[in-house]
Amino acid sequence: VSGFSTFFVQVPLHARLAVGFDAETLRKLVLSNWWRTAAW
């Protein structure tokens, strides 16, 4: 679960944030990262 989440959710969100700050993308990153945090 954490591996899937990392490569298919967090990495794409980080790629968007690398371009510049976006509050909605950051919100999605924080919320989706709870799944990875819980899984680990």
Full PDB file with SEQRES, HELIX, SHEET, SSBOND, CRYST1, ORIGX, SCALE, CONECT and MASTER records, all heavy atoms in Angstrom:
SEQRES   1 A   40  VAL SER GLY PHE SER THR PHE PHE VAL GLN VAL PRO LEU          
SEQRES   2 A   40  HIS ALA ARG LEU ALA VAL GLY PHE ASP ALA GLU THR LEU          
SEQRES   3 A   40  ARG LYS LEU VAL LEU SER ASN TRP TRP ARG THR ALA ALA          
SEQRES   4 A   40  TRP                                                          
HELIX    1 AA1 SER A    2  SER A    5  1                                   4    
HELIX    2 AA2 THR A    6  GLN A   10  3                                   5    
HELIX    3 AA3 VAL A   11  VAL A   19  1                                   9    
HELIX    4 AA4 ALA A   23  ALA A   39  1                                  17    
CRYST1    1.000    1.000    1.000  90.00  90.00  90.00 P 1           1          
ORIGX1      1.000000  0.000000  0.000000        0.00000                         
ORIGX2      0.000000  1.000000  0.000000        0.00000                         
ORIGX3      0.000000  0.000000  1.000000        0.00000                         
SCALE1      1.000000  0.000000  0.000000        0.00000                         
SCALE2      0.000000  1.000000  0.000000        0.00000                         
SCALE3      0.000000  0.000000  1.000000        0.00000                         
ATOM      1  N   VAL A   1       0.840  -1.207   0.000  1.00  0.00           N  
ATOM      2  CA  VAL A   1       0.000   0.000   0.000  1.00  0.00           C  
ATOM      3  C   VAL A   1       0.870   1.250   0.000  1.00  0.00           C  
ATOM      4  O   VAL A   1       0.652   2.174  -0.792  1.00  0.00           O  
ATOM      5  CB  VAL A   1      -0.969   0.007   1.210  1.00  0.00           C  
ATOM      6  CG1 VAL A   1      -1.644   1.371   1.366  1.00  0.00           C  
ATOM      7  CG2 VAL A   1      -2.007  -1.095   1.066  1.00  0.00           C  
ATOM      8  N   SER A   2       1.875   1.294   0.858  1.00  0.00           N  
ATOM      9  CA  SER A   2       2.726   2.489   0.919  1.00  0.00           C  
ATOM     10  C   SER A   2       3.556   2.649  -0.355  1.00  0.00           C  
ATOM     11  O   SER A   2       3.750   3.759  -0.838  1.00  0.00           O  
ATOM     12  CB  SER A   2       3.613   2.482   2.164  1.00  0.00           C  
ATOM     13  OG  SER A   2       4.512   1.407   2.136  1.00  0.00           O  
ATOM     14  N   GLY A   3       4.016   1.543  -0.925  1.00  0.00           N  
ATOM     15  CA  GLY A   3       4.761   1.621  -2.186  1.00  0.00           C  
ATOM     16  C   GLY A   3       3.890   2.119  -3.328  1.00  0.00           C  
ATOM     17  O   GLY A   3       4.290   2.991  -4.095  1.00  0.00           O  
ATOM     18  N   PHE A   4       2.686   1.573  -3.434  1.00  0.00           N  
ATOM     19  CA  PHE A   4       1.742   2.007  -4.467  1.00  0.00           C  
ATOM     20  C   PHE A   4       1.426   3.486  -4.296  1.00  0.00           C  
ATOM     21  O   PHE A   4       1.458   4.259  -5.255  1.00  0.00           O  
ATOM     22  CB  PHE A   4       0.452   1.175  -4.389  1.00  0.00           C  
ATOM     23  CG  PHE A   4      -0.583   1.580  -5.388  1.00  0.00           C  
ATOM     24  CD1 PHE A   4      -0.583   1.057  -6.668  1.00  0.00           C  
ATOM     25  CD2 PHE A   4      -1.562   2.508  -5.055  1.00  0.00           C  
ATOM     26  CE1 PHE A   4      -1.530   1.442  -7.600  1.00  0.00           C  
ATOM     27  CE2 PHE A   4      -2.517   2.900  -5.968  1.00  0.00           C  
ATOM     28  CZ  PHE A   4      -2.509   2.368  -7.250  1.00  0.00           C  
ATOM     29  N   SER A   5       1.119   3.877  -3.063  1.00  0.00           N  
ATOM     30  CA  SER A   5       0.792   5.271  -2.775  1.00  0.00           C  
ATOM     31  C   SER A   5       1.954   6.194  -3.127  1.00  0.00           C  
ATOM     32  O   SER A   5       1.760   7.265  -3.717  1.00  0.00           O  
ATOM     33  CB  SER A   5       0.409   5.419  -1.305  1.00  0.00           C  
ATOM     34  OG  SER A   5       0.058   6.746  -1.007  1.00  0.00           O  
ATOM     35  N   THR A   6       3.159   5.793  -2.781  1.00  0.00           N  
ATOM     36  CA  THR A   6       4.336   6.613  -3.067  1.00  0.00           C  
ATOM     37  C   THR A   6       4.466   6.877  -4.559  1.00  0.00           C  
ATOM     38  O   THR A   6       4.587   8.032  -4.986  1.00  0.00           O  
ATOM     39  CB  THR A   6       5.613   5.926  -2.540  1.00  0.00           C  
ATOM     40  OG1 THR A   6       5.522   5.823  -1.110  1.00  0.00           O  
ATOM     41  CG2 THR A   6       6.860   6.714  -2.921  1.00  0.00           C  
ATOM     42  N   PHE A   7       4.457   5.817  -5.358  1.00  0.00           N  
ATOM     43  CA  PHE A   7       4.761   5.962  -6.781  1.00  0.00           C  
ATOM     44  C   PHE A   7       3.598   6.476  -7.617  1.00  0.00           C  
ATOM     45  O   PHE A   7       3.824   7.155  -8.620  1.00  0.00           O  
ATOM     46  CB  PHE A   7       5.306   4.653  -7.346  1.00  0.00           C  
ATOM     47  CG  PHE A   7       6.660   4.338  -6.795  1.00  0.00           C  
ATOM     48  CD1 PHE A   7       6.828   3.331  -5.866  1.00  0.00           C  
ATOM     49  CD2 PHE A   7       7.770   5.088  -7.158  1.00  0.00           C  
ATOM     50  CE1 PHE A   7       8.083   3.061  -5.331  1.00  0.00           C  
ATOM     51  CE2 PHE A   7       9.019   4.830  -6.630  1.00  0.00           C  
ATOM     52  CZ  PHE A   7       9.174   3.814  -5.715  1.00  0.00           C  
ATOM     53  N   PHE A   8       2.371   6.185  -7.202  1.00  0.00           N  
ATOM     54  CA  PHE A   8       1.237   6.565  -8.033  1.00  0.00           C  
ATOM     55  C   PHE A   8       0.422   7.735  -7.507  1.00  0.00           C  
ATOM     56  O   PHE A   8      -0.428   8.261  -8.204  1.00  0.00           O  
ATOM     57  CB  PHE A   8       0.328   5.354  -8.263  1.00  0.00           C  
ATOM     58  CG  PHE A   8       1.017   4.271  -9.035  1.00  0.00           C  
ATOM     59  CD1 PHE A   8       1.410   3.106  -8.411  1.00  0.00           C  
ATOM     60  CD2 PHE A   8       1.303   4.438 -10.378  1.00  0.00           C  
ATOM     61  CE1 PHE A   8       2.068   2.108  -9.119  1.00  0.00           C  
ATOM     62  CE2 PHE A   8       1.959   3.451 -11.092  1.00  0.00           C  
ATOM     63  CZ  PHE A   8       2.336   2.281 -10.459  1.00  0.00           C  
ATOM     64  N   VAL A   9       0.692   8.164  -6.271  1.00  0.00           N  
ATOM     65  CA  VAL A   9      -0.041   9.307  -5.710  1.00  0.00           C  
ATOM     66  C   VAL A   9       0.932  10.425  -5.305  1.00  0.00           C  
ATOM     67  O   VAL A   9       0.876  11.534  -5.837  1.00  0.00           O  
ATOM     68  CB  VAL A   9      -0.929   8.893  -4.515  1.00  0.00           C  
ATOM     69  CG1 VAL A   9      -1.672  10.101  -3.953  1.00  0.00           C  
ATOM     70  CG2 VAL A   9      -1.904   7.792  -4.922  1.00  0.00           C  
ATOM     71  N   GLN A  10       1.839  10.142  -4.360  1.00  0.00           N  
ATOM     72  CA  GLN A  10       2.705  11.201  -3.845  1.00  0.00           C  
ATOM     73  C   GLN A  10       3.709  11.713  -4.886  1.00  0.00           C  
ATOM     74  O   GLN A  10       3.919  12.921  -4.977  1.00  0.00           O  
ATOM     75  CB  GLN A  10       3.444  10.736  -2.581  1.00  0.00           C  
ATOM     76  CG  GLN A  10       2.640  10.875  -1.313  1.00  0.00           C  
ATOM     77  CD  GLN A  10       1.538   9.845  -1.193  1.00  0.00           C  
ATOM     78  OE1 GLN A  10       1.738   8.686  -1.512  1.00  0.00           O  
ATOM     79  NE2 GLN A  10       0.383  10.272  -0.736  1.00  0.00           N  
ATOM     80  N   VAL A  11       4.325  10.828  -5.648  1.00  0.00           N  
ATOM     81  CA  VAL A  11       5.306  11.296  -6.640  1.00  0.00           C  
ATOM     82  C   VAL A  11       4.666  12.243  -7.656  1.00  0.00           C  
ATOM     83  O   VAL A  11       5.209  13.325  -7.915  1.00  0.00           O  
ATOM     84  CB  VAL A  11       6.040  10.106  -7.312  1.00  0.00           C  
ATOM     85  CG1 VAL A  11       6.809  10.561  -8.536  1.00  0.00           C  
ATOM     86  CG2 VAL A  11       6.977   9.433  -6.311  1.00  0.00           C  
ATOM     87  N   PRO A  12       3.501  11.913  -8.238  1.00  0.00           N  
ATOM     88  CA  PRO A  12       2.879  12.879  -9.154  1.00  0.00           C  
ATOM     89  C   PRO A  12       2.497  14.209  -8.484  1.00  0.00           C  
ATOM     90  O   PRO A  12       2.624  15.277  -9.103  1.00  0.00           O  
ATOM     91  CB  PRO A  12       1.627  12.151  -9.667  1.00  0.00           C  
ATOM     92  CG  PRO A  12       1.946  10.699  -9.503  1.00  0.00           C  
ATOM     93  CD  PRO A  12       2.799  10.620  -8.263  1.00  0.00           C  
ATOM     94  N   LEU A  13       2.048  14.147  -7.241  1.00  0.00           N  
ATOM     95  CA  LEU A  13       1.708  15.393  -6.536  1.00  0.00           C  
ATOM     96  C   LEU A  13       2.957  16.229  -6.279  1.00  0.00           C  
ATOM     97  O   LEU A  13       2.935  17.453  -6.431  1.00  0.00           O  
ATOM     98  CB  LEU A  13       0.970  15.082  -5.231  1.00  0.00           C  
ATOM     99  CG  LEU A  13      -0.445  14.516  -5.400  1.00  0.00           C  
ATOM    100  CD1 LEU A  13      -0.992  14.025  -4.068  1.00  0.00           C  
ATOM    101  CD2 LEU A  13      -1.377  15.541  -6.029  1.00  0.00           C  
ATOM    102  N   HIS A  14       4.051  15.577  -5.905  1.00  0.00           N  
ATOM    103  CA  HIS A  14       5.310  16.306  -5.723  1.00  0.00           C  
ATOM    104  C   HIS A  14       5.780  16.907  -7.049  1.00  0.00           C  
ATOM    105  O   HIS A  14       6.345  18.008  -7.064  1.00  0.00           O  
ATOM    106  CB  HIS A  14       6.391  15.394  -5.148  1.00  0.00           C  
ATOM    107  CG  HIS A  14       6.344  15.298  -3.667  1.00  0.00           C  
ATOM    108  ND1 HIS A  14       6.666  16.358  -2.843  1.00  0.00           N  
ATOM    109  CD2 HIS A  14       6.016  14.267  -2.850  1.00  0.00           C  
ATOM    110  CE1 HIS A  14       6.536  15.980  -1.581  1.00  0.00           C  
ATOM    111  NE2 HIS A  14       6.137  14.710  -1.550  1.00  0.00           N  
ATOM    112  N   ALA A  15       5.564  16.206  -8.146  1.00  0.00           N  
ATOM    113  CA  ALA A  15       5.953  16.745  -9.459  1.00  0.00           C  
ATOM    114  C   ALA A  15       5.191  18.035  -9.750  1.00  0.00           C  
ATOM    115  O   ALA A  15       5.766  18.995 -10.283  1.00  0.00           O  
ATOM    116  CB  ALA A  15       5.701  15.709 -10.548  1.00  0.00           C  
ATOM    117  N   ARG A  16       3.922  18.080  -9.372  1.00  0.00           N  
ATOM    118  CA  ARG A  16       3.142  19.319  -9.556  1.00  0.00           C  
ATOM    119  C   ARG A  16       3.667  20.436  -8.662  1.00  0.00           C  
ATOM    120  O   ARG A  16       3.750  21.589  -9.081  1.00  0.00           O  
ATOM    121  CB  ARG A  16       1.669  19.069  -9.234  1.00  0.00           C  
ATOM    122  CG  ARG A  16       0.935  18.337 -10.313  1.00  0.00           C  
ATOM    123  CD  ARG A  16      -0.554  18.390 -10.027  1.00  0.00           C  
ATOM    124  NE  ARG A  16      -1.135  17.086 -10.288  1.00  0.00           N  
ATOM    125  CZ  ARG A  16      -2.272  16.659  -9.807  1.00  0.00           C  
ATOM    126  NH1 ARG A  16      -2.996  17.432  -9.008  1.00  0.00           N  
ATOM    127  NH2 ARG A  16      -2.733  15.476 -10.108  1.00  0.00           N  
ATOM    128  N   LEU A  17       4.011  20.089  -7.424  1.00  0.00           N  
ATOM    129  CA  LEU A  17       4.514  21.096  -6.497  1.00  0.00           C  
ATOM    130  C   LEU A  17       5.907  21.585  -6.879  1.00  0.00           C  
ATOM    131  O   LEU A  17       6.292  22.698  -6.517  1.00  0.00           O  
ATOM    132  CB  LEU A  17       4.514  20.554  -5.070  1.00  0.00           C  
ATOM    133  CG  LEU A  17       3.133  20.383  -4.445  1.00  0.00           C  
ATOM    134  CD1 LEU A  17       3.222  19.612  -3.129  1.00  0.00           C  
ATOM    135  CD2 LEU A  17       2.456  21.737  -4.231  1.00  0.00           C  
ATOM    136  N   ALA A  18       6.662  20.778  -7.596  1.00  0.00           N  
ATOM    137  CA  ALA A  18       8.001  21.196  -8.039  1.00  0.00           C  
ATOM    138  C   ALA A  18       7.921  22.390  -8.972  1.00  0.00           C  
ATOM    139  O   ALA A  18       8.847  23.196  -9.044  1.00  0.00           O  
ATOM    140  CB  ALA A  18       8.719  20.044  -8.718  1.00  0.00           C  
ATOM    141  N   VAL A  19       6.804  22.532  -9.659  1.00  0.00           N  
ATOM    142  CA  VAL A  19       6.597  23.663 -10.571  1.00  0.00           C  
ATOM    143  C   VAL A  19       6.322  24.934  -9.782  1.00  0.00           C  
ATOM    144  O   VAL A  19       6.711  26.024 -10.184  1.00  0.00           O  
ATOM    145  CB  VAL A  19       5.435  23.364 -11.546  1.00  0.00           C  
ATOM    146  CG1 VAL A  19       5.116  24.559 -12.424  1.00  0.00           C  
ATOM    147  CG2 VAL A  19       5.765  22.137 -12.385  1.00  0.00           C  
ATOM    148  N   GLY A  20       5.656  24.775  -8.647  1.00  0.00           N  
ATOM    149  CA  GLY A  20       5.332  25.924  -7.812  1.00  0.00           C  
ATOM    150  C   GLY A  20       4.236  25.580  -6.828  1.00  0.00           C  
ATOM    151  O   GLY A  20       3.528  24.579  -6.991  1.00  0.00           O  
ATOM    152  N   PHE A  21       4.098  26.409  -5.824  1.00  0.00           N  
ATOM    153  CA  PHE A  21       3.109  26.166  -4.788  1.00  0.00           C  
ATOM    154  C   PHE A  21       1.707  26.199  -5.358  1.00  0.00           C  
ATOM    155  O   PHE A  21       1.338  27.077  -6.135  1.00  0.00           O  
ATOM    156  CB  PHE A  21       3.226  27.213  -3.673  1.00  0.00           C  
ATOM    157  CG  PHE A  21       2.214  27.018  -2.583  1.00  0.00           C  
ATOM    158  CD1 PHE A  21       2.420  26.065  -1.612  1.00  0.00           C  
ATOM    159  CD2 PHE A  21       1.055  27.776  -2.560  1.00  0.00           C  
ATOM    160  CE1 PHE A  21       1.488  25.873  -0.604  1.00  0.00           C  
ATOM    161  CE2 PHE A  21       0.113  27.598  -1.561  1.00  0.00           C  
ATOM    162  CZ  PHE A  21       0.320  26.637  -0.580  1.00  0.00           C  
ATOM    163  N   ASP A  22       0.924  25.222  -4.926  1.00  0.00           N  
ATOM    164  CA  ASP A  22      -0.493  25.170  -5.266  1.00  0.00           C  
ATOM    165  C   ASP A  22      -1.208  24.605  -4.044  1.00  0.00           C  
ATOM    166  O   ASP A  22      -0.943  23.467  -3.641  1.00  0.00           O  
ATOM    167  CB  ASP A  22      -0.737  24.288  -6.492  1.00  0.00           C  
ATOM    168  CG  ASP A  22      -2.214  24.170  -6.809  1.00  0.00           C  
ATOM    169  OD1 ASP A  22      -2.813  25.176  -7.243  1.00  0.00           O  
ATOM    170  OD2 ASP A  22      -2.764  23.065  -6.595  1.00  0.00           O  
ATOM    171  N   ALA A  23      -2.069  25.401  -3.444  1.00  0.00           N  
ATOM    172  CA  ALA A  23      -2.717  25.019  -2.182  1.00  0.00           C  
ATOM    173  C   ALA A  23      -3.522  23.733  -2.332  1.00  0.00           C  
ATOM    174  O   ALA A  23      -3.502  22.875  -1.439  1.00  0.00           O  
ATOM    175  CB  ALA A  23      -3.608  26.155  -1.684  1.00  0.00           C  
ATOM    176  N   GLU A  24      -4.215  23.572  -3.427  1.00  0.00           N  
ATOM    177  CA  GLU A  24      -5.033  22.367  -3.621  1.00  0.00           C  
ATOM    178  C   GLU A  24      -4.169  21.118  -3.773  1.00  0.00           C  
ATOM    179  O   GLU A  24      -4.487  20.061  -3.225  1.00  0.00           O  
ATOM    180  CB  GLU A  24      -5.949  22.537  -4.838  1.00  0.00           C  
ATOM    181  CG  GLU A  24      -6.858  21.362  -5.099  1.00  0.00           C  
ATOM    182  CD  GLU A  24      -7.810  21.038  -3.947  1.00  0.00           C  
ATOM    183  OE1 GLU A  24      -8.059  21.891  -3.075  1.00  0.00           O  
ATOM    184  OE2 GLU A  24      -8.302  19.884  -3.913  1.00  0.00           O  
ATOM    185  N   THR A  25      -3.066  21.238  -4.491  1.00  0.00           N  
ATOM    186  CA  THR A  25      -2.157  20.096  -4.642  1.00  0.00           C  
ATOM    187  C   THR A  25      -1.538  19.730  -3.292  1.00  0.00           C  
ATOM    188  O   THR A  25      -1.438  18.550  -2.950  1.00  0.00           O  
ATOM    189  CB  THR A  25      -1.058  20.404  -5.672  1.00  0.00           C  
ATOM    190  OG1 THR A  25      -1.691  20.716  -6.922  1.00  0.00           O  
ATOM    191  CG2 THR A  25      -0.119  19.235  -5.861  1.00  0.00           C  
ATOM    192  N   LEU A  26      -1.166  20.734  -2.515  1.00  0.00           N  
ATOM    193  CA  LEU A  26      -0.611  20.471  -1.188  1.00  0.00           C  
ATOM    194  C   LEU A  26      -1.662  19.807  -0.297  1.00  0.00           C  
ATOM    195  O   LEU A  26      -1.357  18.860   0.428  1.00  0.00           O  
ATOM    196  CB  LEU A  26      -0.097  21.753  -0.537  1.00  0.00           C  
ATOM    197  CG  LEU A  26       0.482  21.592   0.871  1.00  0.00           C  
ATOM    198  CD1 LEU A  26       1.652  20.604   0.887  1.00  0.00           C  
ATOM    199  CD2 LEU A  26       0.911  22.951   1.411  1.00  0.00           C  
ATOM    200  N   ARG A  27      -2.882  20.267  -0.369  1.00  0.00           N  
ATOM    201  CA  ARG A  27      -3.971  19.663   0.411  1.00  0.00           C  
ATOM    202  C   ARG A  27      -4.128  18.187   0.040  1.00  0.00           C  
ATOM    203  O   ARG A  27      -4.232  17.317   0.910  1.00  0.00           O  
ATOM    204  CB  ARG A  27      -5.279  20.410   0.172  1.00  0.00           C  
ATOM    205  CG  ARG A  27      -6.434  19.950   1.062  1.00  0.00           C  
ATOM    206  CD  ARG A  27      -7.749  20.607   0.676  1.00  0.00           C  
ATOM    207  NE  ARG A  27      -8.269  20.097  -0.572  1.00  0.00           N  
ATOM    208  CZ  ARG A  27      -8.861  18.906  -0.722  1.00  0.00           C  
ATOM    209  NH1 ARG A  27      -9.001  18.104   0.309  1.00  0.00           N  
ATOM    210  NH2 ARG A  27      -9.322  18.511  -1.896  1.00  0.00           N  
ATOM    211  N   LYS A  28      -4.098  17.892  -1.259  1.00  0.00           N  
ATOM    212  CA  LYS A  28      -4.207  16.496  -1.708  1.00  0.00           C  
ATOM    213  C   LYS A  28      -3.018  15.666  -1.234  1.00  0.00           C  
ATOM    214  O   LYS A  28      -3.174  14.506  -0.853  1.00  0.00           O  
ATOM    215  CB  LYS A  28      -4.308  16.433  -3.237  1.00  0.00           C  
ATOM    216  CG  LYS A  28      -5.629  16.909  -3.777  1.00  0.00           C  
ATOM    217  CD  LYS A  28      -5.641  16.869  -5.295  1.00  0.00           C  
ATOM    218  CE  LYS A  28      -6.944  17.408  -5.846  1.00  0.00           C  
ATOM    219  NZ  LYS A  28      -6.941  17.437  -7.322  1.00  0.00           N  
ATOM    220  N   LEU A  29      -1.839  16.274  -1.249  1.00  0.00           N  
ATOM    221  CA  LEU A  29      -0.645  15.569  -0.790  1.00  0.00           C  
ATOM    222  C   LEU A  29      -0.766  15.214   0.685  1.00  0.00           C  
ATOM    223  O   LEU A  29      -0.519  14.067   1.091  1.00  0.00           O  
ATOM    224  CB  LEU A  29       0.605  16.422  -1.026  1.00  0.00           C  
ATOM    225  CG  LEU A  29       1.924  15.811  -0.554  1.00  0.00           C  
ATOM    226  CD1 LEU A  29       2.273  14.581  -1.377  1.00  0.00           C  
ATOM    227  CD2 LEU A  29       3.035  16.845  -0.639  1.00  0.00           C  
ATOM    228  N   VAL A  30      -1.150  16.189   1.501  1.00  0.00           N  
ATOM    229  CA  VAL A  30      -1.265  15.960   2.941  1.00  0.00           C  
ATOM    230  C   VAL A  30      -2.332  14.902   3.226  1.00  0.00           C  
ATOM    231  O   VAL A  30      -2.096  13.970   4.006  1.00  0.00           O  
ATOM    232  CB  VAL A  30      -1.571  17.278   3.690  1.00  0.00           C  
ATOM    233  CG1 VAL A  30      -1.919  17.021   5.144  1.00  0.00           C  
ATOM    234  CG2 VAL A  30      -0.385  18.231   3.578  1.00  0.00           C  
ATOM    235  N   LEU A  31      -3.484  15.021   2.586  1.00  0.00           N  
ATOM    236  CA  LEU A  31      -4.559  14.060   2.841  1.00  0.00           C  
ATOM    237  C   LEU A  31      -4.191  12.654   2.367  1.00  0.00           C  
ATOM    238  O   LEU A  31      -4.397  11.676   3.083  1.00  0.00           O  
ATOM    239  CB  LEU A  31      -5.857  14.519   2.167  1.00  0.00           C  
ATOM    240  CG  LEU A  31      -6.542  15.722   2.794  1.00  0.00           C  
ATOM    241  CD1 LEU A  31      -7.747  16.157   1.960  1.00  0.00           C  
ATOM    242  CD2 LEU A  31      -6.968  15.415   4.228  1.00  0.00           C  
ATOM    243  N   SER A  32      -3.647  12.553   1.167  1.00  0.00           N  
ATOM    244  CA  SER A  32      -3.303  11.222   0.639  1.00  0.00           C  
ATOM    245  C   SER A  32      -2.132  10.606   1.390  1.00  0.00           C  
ATOM    246  O   SER A  32      -2.028   9.377   1.492  1.00  0.00           O  
ATOM    247  CB  SER A  32      -2.990  11.307  -0.860  1.00  0.00           C  
ATOM    248  OG  SER A  32      -1.826  12.079  -1.101  1.00  0.00           O  
ATOM    249  N   ASN A  33      -1.261  11.446   1.930  1.00  0.00           N  
ATOM    250  CA  ASN A  33      -0.113  10.915   2.664  1.00  0.00           C  
ATOM    251  C   ASN A  33      -0.525  10.264   3.975  1.00  0.00           C  
ATOM    252  O   ASN A  33       0.224   9.469   4.534  1.00  0.00           O  
ATOM    253  CB  ASN A  33       0.929  12.010   2.910  1.00  0.00           C  
ATOM    254  CG  ASN A  33       2.267  11.424   3.265  1.00  0.00           C  
ATOM    255  OD1 ASN A  33       2.826  10.634   2.517  1.00  0.00           O  
ATOM    256  ND2 ASN A  33       2.776  11.782   4.431  1.00  0.00           N  
ATOM    257  N   TRP A  34      -1.730  10.567   4.483  1.00  0.00           N  
ATOM    258  CA  TRP A  34      -2.204   9.881   5.683  1.00  0.00           C  
ATOM    259  C   TRP A  34      -2.331   8.382   5.431  1.00  0.00           C  
ATOM    260  O   TRP A  34      -2.103   7.578   6.338  1.00  0.00           O  
ATOM    261  CB  TRP A  34      -3.529  10.464   6.165  1.00  0.00           C  
ATOM    262  CG  TRP A  34      -3.348  11.699   6.999  1.00  0.00           C  
ATOM    263  CD1 TRP A  34      -3.730  12.964   6.696  1.00  0.00           C  
ATOM    264  CD2 TRP A  34      -2.716  11.775   8.285  1.00  0.00           C  
ATOM    265  NE1 TRP A  34      -3.378  13.830   7.703  1.00  0.00           N  
ATOM    266  CE2 TRP A  34      -2.756  13.114   8.692  1.00  0.00           C  
ATOM    267  CE3 TRP A  34      -2.118  10.837   9.130  1.00  0.00           C  
ATOM    268  CZ2 TRP A  34      -2.224  13.545   9.911  1.00  0.00           C  
ATOM    269  CZ3 TRP A  34      -1.581  11.262  10.329  1.00  0.00           C  
ATOM    270  CH2 TRP A  34      -1.642  12.599  10.709  1.00  0.00           C  
ATOM    271  N   TRP A  35      -2.702   7.980   4.216  1.00  0.00           N  
ATOM    272  CA  TRP A  35      -2.794   6.548   3.888  1.00  0.00           C  
ATOM    273  C   TRP A  35      -1.421   5.891   4.005  1.00  0.00           C  
ATOM    274  O   TRP A  35      -1.277   4.796   4.548  1.00  0.00           O  
ATOM    275  CB  TRP A  35      -3.350   6.338   2.474  1.00  0.00           C  
ATOM    276  CG  TRP A  35      -4.802   6.663   2.396  1.00  0.00           C  
ATOM    277  CD1 TRP A  35      -5.365   7.810   1.924  1.00  0.00           C  
ATOM    278  CD2 TRP A  35      -5.872   5.831   2.831  1.00  0.00           C  
ATOM    279  NE1 TRP A  35      -6.730   7.745   2.050  1.00  0.00           N  
ATOM    280  CE2 TRP A  35      -7.063   6.533   2.596  1.00  0.00           C  
ATOM    281  CE3 TRP A  35      -5.939   4.561   3.401  1.00  0.00           C  
ATOM    282  CZ2 TRP A  35      -8.311   6.005   2.903  1.00  0.00           C  
ATOM    283  CZ3 TRP A  35      -7.186   4.032   3.702  1.00  0.00           C  
ATOM    284  CH2 TRP A  35      -8.352   4.750   3.462  1.00  0.00           C  
ATOM    285  N   ARG A  36      -0.410   6.565   3.491  1.00  0.00           N  
ATOM    286  CA  ARG A  36       0.949   6.039   3.545  1.00  0.00           C  
ATOM    287  C   ARG A  36       1.463   6.023   4.985  1.00  0.00           C  
ATOM    288  O   ARG A  36       2.098   5.060   5.419  1.00  0.00           O  
ATOM    289  CB  ARG A  36       1.848   6.899   2.647  1.00  0.00           C  
ATOM    290  CG  ARG A  36       3.187   6.306   2.374  1.00  0.00           C  
ATOM    291  CD  ARG A  36       3.877   6.992   1.228  1.00  0.00           C  
ATOM    292  NE  ARG A  36       4.059   8.418   1.416  1.00  0.00           N  
ATOM    293  CZ  ARG A  36       4.964   9.132   0.780  1.00  0.00           C  
ATOM    294  NH1 ARG A  36       5.786   8.553  -0.085  1.00  0.00           N  
ATOM    295  NH2 ARG A  36       5.074  10.421   0.983  1.00  0.00           N  
ATOM    296  N   THR A  37       1.166   7.079   5.734  1.00  0.00           N  
ATOM    297  CA  THR A  37       1.566   7.150   7.141  1.00  0.00           C  
ATOM    298  C   THR A  37       0.911   6.017   7.933  1.00  0.00           C  
ATOM    299  O   THR A  37       1.574   5.327   8.719  1.00  0.00           O  
ATOM    300  CB  THR A  37       1.172   8.520   7.729  1.00  0.00           C  
ATOM    301  OG1 THR A  37       1.796   9.545   6.937  1.00  0.00           O  
ATOM    302  CG2 THR A  37       1.598   8.658   9.173  1.00  0.00           C  
ATOM    303  N   ALA A  38      -0.373   5.811   7.717  1.00  0.00           N  
ATOM    304  CA  ALA A  38      -1.092   4.734   8.409  1.00  0.00           C  
ATOM    305  C   ALA A  38      -0.547   3.367   8.003  1.00  0.00           C  
ATOM    306  O   ALA A  38      -0.339   2.494   8.860  1.00  0.00           O  
ATOM    307  CB  ALA A  38      -2.581   4.815   8.109  1.00  0.00           C  
ATOM    308  N   ALA A  39      -0.291   3.189   6.719  1.00  0.00           N  
ATOM    309  CA  ALA A  39       0.204   1.897   6.240  1.00  0.00           C  
ATOM    310  C   ALA A  39       1.554   1.555   6.863  1.00  0.00           C  
ATOM    311  O   ALA A  39       1.767   0.432   7.339  1.00  0.00           O  
ATOM    312  CB  ALA A  39       0.300   1.895   4.718  1.00  0.00           C  
ATOM    313  N   TRP A  40       2.471   2.522   6.881  1.00  0.00           N  
ATOM    314  CA  TRP A  40       3.786   2.252   7.466  1.00  0.00           C  
ATOM    315  C   TRP A  40       3.681   1.999   8.964  1.00  0.00           C  
ATOM    316  O   TRP A  40       4.396   1.169   9.520  1.00  0.00           O  
ATOM    317  CB  TRP A  40       4.761   3.392   7.188  1.00  0.00           C  
ATOM    318  CG  TRP A  40       5.910   2.994   6.307  1.00  0.00           C  
ATOM    319  CD1 TRP A  40       6.688   1.873   6.412  1.00  0.00           C  
ATOM    320  CD2 TRP A  40       6.412   3.724   5.203  1.00  0.00           C  
ATOM    321  NE1 TRP A  40       7.645   1.868   5.420  1.00  0.00           N  
ATOM    322  CE2 TRP A  40       7.496   2.990   4.666  1.00  0.00           C  
ATOM    323  CE3 TRP A  40       6.058   4.931   4.613  1.00  0.00           C  
ATOM    324  CZ2 TRP A  40       8.229   3.419   3.568  1.00  0.00           C  
ATOM    325  CZ3 TRP A  40       6.786   5.354   3.521  1.00  0.00           C  
ATOM    326  CH2 TRP A  40       7.856   4.608   3.004  1.00  0.00           C  
TER     327      TRP A  40                                                      
MASTER        0    0    0    4    0    0    0    6  326    1    0    4          
END                                                                             
